[in-house]
PDB file of N, CA and C in Angstrom:
ATOM      1  N   UNK A   1     233.284 108.214 414.534  1.00  0.00           N
ATOM      2  CA  UNK A   1     233.431 106.577 414.855  1.00  0.00           C
ATOM      3  C   UNK A   1     234.898 106.286 416.119  1.00  0.00           C
ATOM      4  N   UNK A   2     235.870 107.524 415.573  1.00  0.00           N
ATOM      5  CA  UNK A   2     236.976 107.765 416.977  1.00  0.00           C
ATOM      6  C   UNK A   2     236.720 107.724 418.128  1.00  0.00           C
ATOM      7  N   UNK A   3     235.626 108.486 418.819  1.00  0.00           N
ATOM      8  CA  UNK A   3     234.429 108.662 420.000  1.00  0.00           C
ATOM      9  C   UNK A   3     234.201 107.105 420.133  1.00  0.00           C
ATOM     10  N   UNK A   4     233.901 106.409 419.319  1.00  0.00           N
ATOM     11  CA  UNK A   4     233.179 104.943 420.069  1.00  0.00           C
ATOM     12  C   UNK A   4     233.984 104.413 421.045  1.00  0.00           C
ATOM     13  N   UNK A   5     234.953 104.640 420.805  1.00  0.00           N
ATOM     14  CA  UNK A   5     236.083 104.064 421.667  1.00  0.00           C
ATOM     15  C   UNK A   5     235.773 104.199 422.914  1.00  0.00           C
ATOM     16  N   UNK A   6     235.547 105.297 423.309  1.00  0.00           N
ATOM     17  CA  UNK A   6     235.912 106.051 424.478  1.00  0.00           C
ATOM     18  C   UNK A   6     233.952 106.014 425.284  1.00  0.00           C
ATOM     19  N   UNK A   7     233.310 106.443 424.240  1.00  0.00           N
ATOM     20  CA  UNK A   7     231.738 105.278 424.768  1.00  0.00           C
ATOM     21  C   UNK A   7     231.761 104.487 425.178  1.00  0.00           C
ATOM     22  N   UNK A   8     232.035 103.143 424.609  1.00  0.00           N
ATOM     23  CA  UNK A   8     232.040 101.864 425.295  1.00  0.00           C
ATOM     24  C   UNK A   8     233.185 101.755 425.988  1.00  0.00           C
ATOM     25  N   UNK A   9     234.491 102.274 425.871  1.00  0.00           N
ATOM     26  CA  UNK A   9     235.228 101.969 426.525  1.00  0.00           C
ATOM     27  C   UNK A   9     235.005 102.443 428.482  1.00  0.00           C
ATOM     28  N   UNK A  10     234.638 103.638 428.372  1.00  0.00           N
ATOM     29  CA  UNK A  10     234.445 104.205 429.602  1.00  0.00           C
ATOM     30  C   UNK A  10     233.054 103.233 429.984  1.00  0.00           C
ATOM     31  N   UNK A  11     232.353 102.875 429.680  1.00  0.00           N
ATOM     32  CA  UNK A  11     230.874 102.073 429.932  1.00  0.00           C
ATOM     33  C   UNK A  11     231.797 100.699 430.106  1.00  0.00           C
ATOM     34  N   UNK A  12     232.445 100.358 429.769  1.00  0.00           N
ATOM     35  CA  UNK A  12     232.593  98.895 430.290  1.00  0.00           C
ATOM     36  C   UNK A  12     233.555  99.066 431.583  1.00  0.00           C
ATOM     37  N   UNK A  13     234.834 100.162 431.538  1.00  0.00           N
ATOM     38  CA  UNK A  13     235.512 100.274 432.811  1.00  0.00           C
ATOM     39  C   UNK A  13     234.705 100.936 434.058  1.00  0.00           C
ATOM     40  N   UNK A  14     233.406 101.754 433.742  1.00  0.00           N
ATOM     41  CA  UNK A  14     232.820 101.947 435.079  1.00  0.00           C
ATOM     42  C   UNK A  14     232.318 100.820 435.443  1.00  0.00           C
ATOM     43  N   UNK A  15     231.473  99.737 434.729  1.00  0.00           N
ATOM     44  CA  UNK A  15     230.571  98.149 434.585  1.00  0.00           C
ATOM     45  C   UNK A  15     231.681  97.824 435.817  1.00  0.00           C
ATOM     46  N   UNK A  16     232.952  97.327 434.920  1.00  0.00           N
ATOM     47  CA  UNK A  16     233.648  96.255 435.783  1.00  0.00           C
ATOM     48  C   UNK A  16     234.230  97.066 437.038  1.00  0.00           C
ATOM     49  N   UNK A  17     234.468  98.019 437.412  1.00  0.00           N
ATOM     50  CA  UNK A  17     234.984  98.845 438.725  1.00  0.00           C
ATOM     51  C   UNK A  17     234.062  98.505 439.715  1.00  0.00           C
ATOM     52  N   UNK A  18     232.808  98.872 439.378  1.00  0.00           N
ATOM     53  CA  UNK A  18     231.793  98.461 439.846  1.00  0.00           C
ATOM     54  C   UNK A  18     231.157  97.175 440.146  1.00  0.00           C
ATOM     55  N   UNK A  19     231.648  96.302 439.702  1.00  0.00           N
ATOM     56  CA  UNK A  19     231.518  95.089 439.955  1.00  0.00           C
ATOM     57  C   UNK A  19     232.120  94.445 440.740  1.00  0.00           C
ATOM     58  N   UNK A  20     233.704  94.714 440.697  1.00  0.00           N
ATOM     59  CA  UNK A  20     234.487  94.942 441.370  1.00  0.00           C
ATOM     60  C   UNK A  20     234.851  95.382 442.806  1.00  0.00           C
ATOM     61  N   UNK A  21     234.252  96.470 443.078  1.00  0.00           N
ATOM     62  CA  UNK A  21     234.200  96.871 444.390  1.00  0.00           C
ATOM     63  C   UNK A  21     232.665  96.388 445.176  1.00  0.00           C
ATOM     64  N   UNK A  22     232.499  95.242 444.700  1.00  0.00           N
ATOM     65  CA  UNK A  22     231.435  94.702 445.264  1.00  0.00           C
ATOM     66  C   UNK A  22     231.895  93.243 446.054  1.00  0.00           C
ATOM     67  N   UNK A  23     233.203  92.853 445.280  1.00  0.00           N
ATOM     68  CA  UNK A  23     233.608  91.720 445.440  1.00  0.00           C
ATOM     69  C   UNK A  23     233.930  91.788 446.987  1.00  0.00           C
ATOM     70  N   UNK A  24     233.949  90.584 447.714  1.00  0.00           N
ATOM     71  CA  UNK A  24     234.302  90.715 449.056  1.00  0.00           C
ATOM     72  C   UNK A  24     236.090  91.008 449.177  1.00  0.00           C
ATOM     73  N   UNK A  25     236.427  91.535 449.559  1.00  0.00           N
ATOM     74  CA  UNK A  25     238.148  91.899 450.056  1.00  0.00           C
ATOM     75  C   UNK A  25     238.910  92.000 448.303  1.00  0.00           C
ATOM     76  N   UNK A  26     238.196  92.579 447.191  1.00  0.00           N
ATOM     77  CA  UNK A  26     238.391  93.542 446.534  1.00  0.00           C
ATOM     78  C   UNK A  26     239.327  94.568 446.831  1.00  0.00           C
ATOM     79  N   UNK A  27     240.265  94.673 445.983  1.00  0.00           N
ATOM     80  CA  UNK A  27     241.027  95.980 445.686  1.00  0.00           C
ATOM     81  C   UNK A  27     240.425  97.290 445.473  1.00  0.00           C
ATOM     82  N   UNK A  28     239.263  96.955 445.043  1.00  0.00           N
ATOM     83  CA  UNK A  28     238.384  98.561 444.757  1.00  0.00           C
ATOM     84  C   UNK A  28     237.494  98.429 445.580  1.00  0.00           C
ATOM     85  N   UNK A  29     237.627  99.716 445.997  1.00  0.00           N
ATOM     86  CA  UNK A  29     236.930 100.177 446.971  1.00  0.00           C
ATOM     87  C   UNK A  29     236.335 101.469 446.264  1.00  0.00           C
ATOM     88  N   UNK A  30     234.927 101.528 446.543  1.00  0.00           N
ATOM     89  CA  UNK A  30     234.020 102.995 446.081  1.00  0.00           C
ATOM     90  C   UNK A  30     234.101 103.936 447.656  1.00  0.00           C
ATOM     91  N   UNK A  31     234.118 103.129 448.656  1.00  0.00           N
ATOM     92  CA  UNK A  31     233.874 104.401 449.744  1.00  0.00           C
ATOM     93  C   UNK A  31     235.799 105.370 449.816  1.00  0.00           C
ATOM     94  N   UNK A  32     235.339 105.963 449.795  1.00  0.00           N
ATOM     95  CA  UNK A  32     236.519 107.244 450.331  1.00  0.00           C
ATOM     96  C   UNK A  32     237.745 107.492 449.015  1.00  0.00           C
ATOM     97  N   UNK A  33     236.959 106.616 447.392  1.00  0.00           N
ATOM     98  CA  UNK A  33     237.392 106.660 446.435  1.00  0.00           C
ATOM     99  C   UNK A  33     237.418 107.660 445.821  1.00  0.00           C
ATOM    100  N   UNK A  34     238.301 108.742 445.076  1.00  0.00           N
ATOM    101  CA  UNK A  34     238.602 110.117 444.745  1.00  0.00           C
ATOM    102  C   UNK A  34     237.590 109.794 443.555  1.00  0.00           C
ATOM    103  N   UNK A  35     237.942 108.842 442.635  1.00  0.00           N
ATOM    104  CA  UNK A  35     236.505 108.437 441.463  1.00  0.00           C
ATOM    105  C   UNK A  35     235.772 107.754 441.680  1.00  0.00           C
ATOM    106  N   UNK A  36     235.347 107.793 442.768  1.00  0.00           N
ATOM    107  CA  UNK A  36     233.508 107.164 443.272  1.00  0.00           C
ATOM    108  C   UNK A  36     232.564 107.731 442.111  1.00  0.00           C
ATOM    109  N   UNK A  37     232.251 109.211 442.048  1.00  0.00           N
ATOM    110  CA  UNK A  37     231.432 109.584 440.933  1.00  0.00           C
ATOM    111  C   UNK A  37     231.783 109.490 439.555  1.00  0.00           C
ATOM    112  N   UNK A  38     233.201 109.336 439.089  1.00  0.00           N
ATOM    113  CA  UNK A  38     233.089 108.516 437.853  1.00  0.00           C
ATOM    114  C   UNK A  38     232.456 107.152 437.746  1.00  0.00           C
ATOM    115  N   UNK A  39     232.878 106.547 438.744  1.00  0.00           N
ATOM    116  CA  UNK A  39     232.464 105.132 438.566  1.00  0.00           C
ATOM    117  C   UNK A  39     231.107 104.961 438.585  1.00  0.00           C
ATOM    118  N   UNK A  40     230.695 105.174 439.615  1.00  0.00           N
ATOM    119  CA  UNK A  40     228.768 105.669 439.444  1.00  0.00           C
ATOM    120  C   UNK A  40     228.325 106.228 438.093  1.00  0.00           C
ATOM    121  N   UNK A  41     228.783 107.181 437.430  1.00  0.00           N
ATOM    122  CA  UNK A  41     227.995 107.744 436.556  1.00  0.00           C
ATOM    123  C   UNK A  41     228.456 107.285 435.665  1.00  0.00           C
ATOM    124  N   UNK A  42     229.463 106.625 434.845  1.00  0.00           N
ATOM    125  CA  UNK A  42     229.616 105.686 433.677  1.00  0.00           C
ATOM    126  C   UNK A  42     229.287 104.166 434.027  1.00  0.00           C
ATOM    127  N   UNK A  43     229.198 103.936 435.144  1.00  0.00           N
ATOM    128  CA  UNK A  43     228.308 102.694 435.556  1.00  0.00           C
ATOM    129  C   UNK A  43     226.641 102.228 435.594  1.00  0.00           C
ATOM    130  N   UNK A  44     226.260 103.471 435.608  1.00  0.00           N
ATOM    131  CA  UNK A  44     224.754 104.419 435.689  1.00  0.00           C
ATOM    132  C   UNK A  44     223.728 103.799 434.676  1.00  0.00           C
ATOM    133  N   UNK A  45     222.670 104.001 435.169  1.00  0.00           N
ATOM    134  CA  UNK A  45     221.796 103.503 434.018  1.00  0.00           C
ATOM    135  C   UNK A  45     221.518 104.840 432.604  1.00  0.00           C
ATOM    136  N   UNK A  46     221.961 105.646 432.944  1.00  0.00           N
ATOM    137  CA  UNK A  46     222.122 106.995 432.543  1.00  0.00           C
ATOM    138  C   UNK A  46     223.265 106.615 430.907  1.00  0.00           C
ATOM    139  N   UNK A  47     224.603 106.539 431.351  1.00  0.00           N
ATOM    140  CA  UNK A  47     225.640 106.484 430.433  1.00  0.00           C
ATOM    141  C   UNK A  47     225.445 104.771 430.155  1.00  0.00           C
ATOM    142  N   UNK A  48     224.951 104.036 430.418  1.00  0.00           N
ATOM    143  CA  UNK A  48     224.602 102.782 429.811  1.00  0.00           C
ATOM    144  C   UNK A  48     223.501 102.677 428.905  1.00  0.00           C
ATOM    145  N   UNK A  49     222.765 103.413 429.020  1.00  0.00           N
ATOM    146  CA  UNK A  49     221.998 103.523 428.069  1.00  0.00           C
ATOM    147  C   UNK A  49     222.442 104.203 426.918  1.00  0.00           C
ATOM    148  N   UNK A  50     223.129 105.664 426.909  1.00  0.00           N
ATOM    149  CA  UNK A  50     224.004 105.819 426.035  1.00  0.00           C
ATOM    150  C   UNK A  50     224.953 104.597 425.447  1.00  0.00           C
ATOM    151  N   UNK A  51     225.271 104.038 425.565  1.00  0.00           N
ATOM    152  CA  UNK A  51     226.284 103.010 425.225  1.00  0.00           C
ATOM    153  C   UNK A  51     225.651 102.128 424.308  1.00  0.00           C
ATOM    154  N   UNK A  52     224.288 101.772 425.094  1.00  0.00           N
ATOM    155  CA  UNK A  52     223.339 101.010 423.737  1.00  0.00           C
ATOM    156  C   UNK A  52     222.969 101.880 423.110  1.00  0.00           C
ATOM    157  N   UNK A  53     222.648 102.558 422.676  1.00  0.00           N
ATOM    158  CA  UNK A  53     222.289 103.476 421.473  1.00  0.00           C
ATOM    159  C   UNK A  53     223.478 103.683 420.386  1.00  0.00           C
ATOM    160  N   UNK A  54     224.748 103.884 420.955  1.00  0.00           N
ATOM    161  CA  UNK A  54     226.037 104.090 420.632  1.00  0.00           C
ATOM    162  C   UNK A  54     226.045 102.757 419.363  1.00  0.00           C
ATOM    163  N   UNK A  55     226.132 101.575 420.009  1.00  0.00           N
ATOM    164  CA  UNK A  55     226.568 100.162 419.750  1.00  0.00           C
ATOM    165  C   UNK A  55     225.830 100.138 418.273  1.00  0.00           C
ATOM    166  N   UNK A  56     224.261 100.300 418.636  1.00  0.00           N
ATOM    167  CA  UNK A  56     223.223 100.616 418.051  1.00  0.00           C
ATOM    168  C   UNK A  56     223.612 101.695 416.303  1.00  0.00           C
ATOM    169  N   UNK A  57     223.792 102.971 417.177  1.00  0.00           N
ATOM    170  CA  UNK A  57     224.299 103.589 416.102  1.00  0.00           C
ATOM    171  C   UNK A  57     225.178 103.320 414.834  1.00  0.00           C
ATOM    172  N   UNK A  58     226.069 102.516 415.568  1.00  0.00           N
ATOM    173  CA  UNK A  58     227.266 102.102 414.520  1.00  0.00           C
ATOM    174  C   UNK A  58     227.041 100.900 413.635  1.00  0.00           C
ATOM    175  N   UNK A  59     226.566 100.330 414.399  1.00  0.00           N
ATOM    176  CA  UNK A  59     225.388  99.519 413.324  1.00  0.00           C
ATOM    177  C   UNK A  59     225.250  99.669 412.680  1.00  0.00           C
ATOM    178  N   UNK A  60     224.011 100.694 412.347  1.00  0.00           N
ATOM    179  CA  UNK A  60     222.923 101.371 411.724  1.00  0.00           C
ATOM    180  C   UNK A  60     223.551 102.290 410.740  1.00  0.00           C
ATOM    181  N   UNK A  61     224.651 102.933 411.126  1.00  0.00           N
ATOM    182  CA  UNK A  61     225.516 103.738 410.114  1.00  0.00           C
ATOM    183  C   UNK A  61     226.356 103.172 409.563  1.00  0.00           C
ATOM    184  N   UNK A  62     226.884 102.409 409.523  1.00  0.00           N
ATOM    185  CA  UNK A  62     228.661 102.358 409.460  1.00  0.00           C
ATOM    186  C   UNK A  62     228.171 102.050 408.236  1.00  0.00           C
ATOM    187  N   UNK A  63     227.433 100.993 407.566  1.00  0.00           N
ATOM    188  CA  UNK A  63     227.364 100.314 406.274  1.00  0.00           C
ATOM    189  C   UNK A  63     227.025 101.681 405.515  1.00  0.00           C
ATOM    190  N   UNK A  64     225.894 102.393 405.651  1.00  0.00           N
ATOM    191  CA  UNK A  64     225.442 103.357 405.125  1.00  0.00           C
ATOM    192  C   UNK A  64     225.343 104.548 404.988  1.00  0.00           C
ATOM    193  N   UNK A  65     226.486 105.378 406.310  1.00  0.00           N
ATOM    194  CA  UNK A  65     226.674 106.384 406.477  1.00  0.00           C
ATOM    195  C   UNK A  65     228.127 106.946 405.861  1.00  0.00           C
ATOM    196  N   UNK A  66     228.918 108.261 406.000  1.00  0.00           N
ATOM    197  CA  UNK A  66     230.473 108.440 405.911  1.00  0.00           C
ATOM    198  C   UNK A  66     230.562 108.296 406.971  1.00  0.00           C
ATOM    199  N   UNK A  67     232.125 108.490 406.743  1.00  0.00           N
ATOM    200  CA  UNK A  67     232.609 108.560 408.643  1.00  0.00           C
ATOM    201  C   UNK A  67     232.382 109.567 409.342  1.00  0.00           C
ATOM    202  N   UNK A  68     232.562 110.779 408.646  1.00  0.00           N
ATOM    203  CA  UNK A  68     231.801 112.411 409.136  1.00  0.00           C
ATOM    204  C   UNK A  68     230.763 111.762 410.216  1.00  0.00           C
ATOM    205  N   UNK A  69     229.437 111.198 409.739  1.00  0.00           N
ATOM    206  CA  UNK A  69     228.222 111.396 409.469  1.00  0.00           C
ATOM    207  C   UNK A  69     228.484 110.218 411.301  1.00  0.00           C
ATOM    208  N   UNK A  70     228.729 109.446 410.886  1.00  0.00           N
ATOM    209  CA  UNK A  70     229.433 108.288 412.277  1.00  0.00           C
ATOM    210  C   UNK A  70     229.952 109.084 413.466  1.00  0.00           C
ATOM    211  N   UNK A  71     230.990 109.913 413.097  1.00  0.00           N
ATOM    212  CA  UNK A  71     231.701 110.652 414.110  1.00  0.00           C
ATOM    213  C   UNK A  71     230.592 111.641 414.747  1.00  0.00           C
ATOM    214  N   UNK A  72     229.645 112.184 413.939  1.00  0.00           N
ATOM    215  CA  UNK A  72     228.895 113.268 414.869  1.00  0.00           C
ATOM    216  C   UNK A  72     227.630 112.411 415.524  1.00  0.00           C
ATOM    217  N   UNK A  73     227.219 111.115 414.756  1.00  0.00           N
ATOM    218  CA  UNK A  73     226.184 110.839 415.710  1.00  0.00           C
ATOM    219  C   UNK A  73     227.065 110.775 417.101  1.00  0.00           C
ATOM    220  N   UNK A  74     228.529 109.534 417.148  1.00  0.00           N
ATOM    221  CA  UNK A  74     228.707 109.016 418.360  1.00  0.00           C
ATOM    222  C   UNK A  74     228.903 110.547 419.369  1.00  0.00           C
ATOM    223  N   UNK A  75     229.406 111.726 418.798  1.00  0.00           N
ATOM    224  CA  UNK A  75     229.964 112.446 419.374  1.00  0.00           C
ATOM    225  C   UNK A  75     228.532 113.445 420.315  1.00  0.00           C
ATOM    226  N   UNK A  76     227.662 113.382 419.297  1.00  0.00           N
ATOM    227  CA  UNK A  76     226.009 113.897 419.768  1.00  0.00           C
ATOM    228  C   UNK A  76     225.979 112.854 420.893  1.00  0.00           C
ATOM    229  N   UNK A  77     225.799 111.659 420.793  1.00  0.00           N
ATOM    230  CA  UNK A  77     225.562 111.037 421.863  1.00  0.00           C
ATOM    231  C   UNK A  77     226.332 110.429 423.289  1.00  0.00           C
ATOM    232  N   UNK A  78     228.120 111.423 423.199  1.00  0.00           N
ATOM    233  CA  UNK A  78     228.734 111.033 424.190  1.00  0.00           C
ATOM    234  C   UNK A  78     228.633 112.704 425.112  1.00  0.00           C
ATOM    235  N   UNK A  79     228.310 113.886 423.975  1.00  0.00           N
ATOM    236  CA  UNK A  79     228.065 114.875 424.663  1.00  0.00           C
ATOM    237  C   UNK A  79     226.388 114.963 425.485  1.00  0.00           C
ATOM    238  N   UNK A  80     225.444 113.771 424.688  1.00  0.00           N
ATOM    239  CA  UNK A  80     224.458 114.409 425.654  1.00  0.00           C
ATOM    240  C   UNK A  80     224.521 113.321 427.012  1.00  0.00           C
ATOM    241  N   UNK A  81     225.114 112.130 426.797  1.00  0.00           N
ATOM    242  CA  UNK A  81     224.845 111.418 427.989  1.00  0.00           C
ATOM    243  C   UNK A  81     225.927 111.317 429.307  1.00  0.00           C
ATOM    244  N   UNK A  82     226.831 112.513 428.633  1.00  0.00           N
ATOM    245  CA  UNK A  82     228.265 112.215 429.644  1.00  0.00           C
ATOM    246  C   UNK A  82     227.905 112.935 431.058  1.00  0.00           C
ATOM    247  N   UNK A  83     228.881 112.488 431.603  1.00  0.00           N
ATOM    248  CA  UNK A  83     228.283 112.925 433.135  1.00  0.00           C
ATOM    249  C   UNK A  83     229.046 114.515 433.320  1.00  0.00           C
ATOM    250  N   UNK A  84     227.949 115.222 433.806  1.00  0.00           N
ATOM    251  CA  UNK A  84     227.555 116.716 433.982  1.00  0.00           C
ATOM    252  C   UNK A  84     229.749 117.250 433.795  1.00  0.00           C
ATOM    253  N   UNK A  85     230.184 116.836 434.946  1.00  0.00           N
ATOM    254  CA  UNK A  85     231.675 116.859 435.170  1.00  0.00           C
ATOM    255  C   UNK A  85     232.759 116.334 434.484  1.00  0.00           C
ATOM    256  N   UNK A  86     232.786 116.117 433.854  1.00  0.00           N
ATOM    257  CA  UNK A  86     233.305 115.170 432.356  1.00  0.00           C
ATOM    258  C   UNK A  86     233.829 116.129 431.208  1.00  0.00           C
ATOM    259  N   UNK A  87     234.735 116.404 430.658  1.00  0.00           N
ATOM    260  CA  UNK A  87     235.128 117.113 429.289  1.00  0.00           C
ATOM    261  C   UNK A  87     235.304 116.003 428.526  1.00  0.00           C
TER     262      UNK A  87
END
């Protein structure tokens, strides 16, 4: 469950930054931004799918599984759907 905050948080921040960059005269810019790939990865379909699966896993397993089971599930989802350049 500890990684659930990272899984969900990165997804939300990525989406927010992407939306903010599309607004006229926004302070957030994608072009020439050293974090452009990060934003695109975490706002992208692949990672957002992992977020949805993670939310479902938390709901499905939290009541009937141990914390260690939940941790393993979230960790596995995070590793499977993270961007190749992320650690």
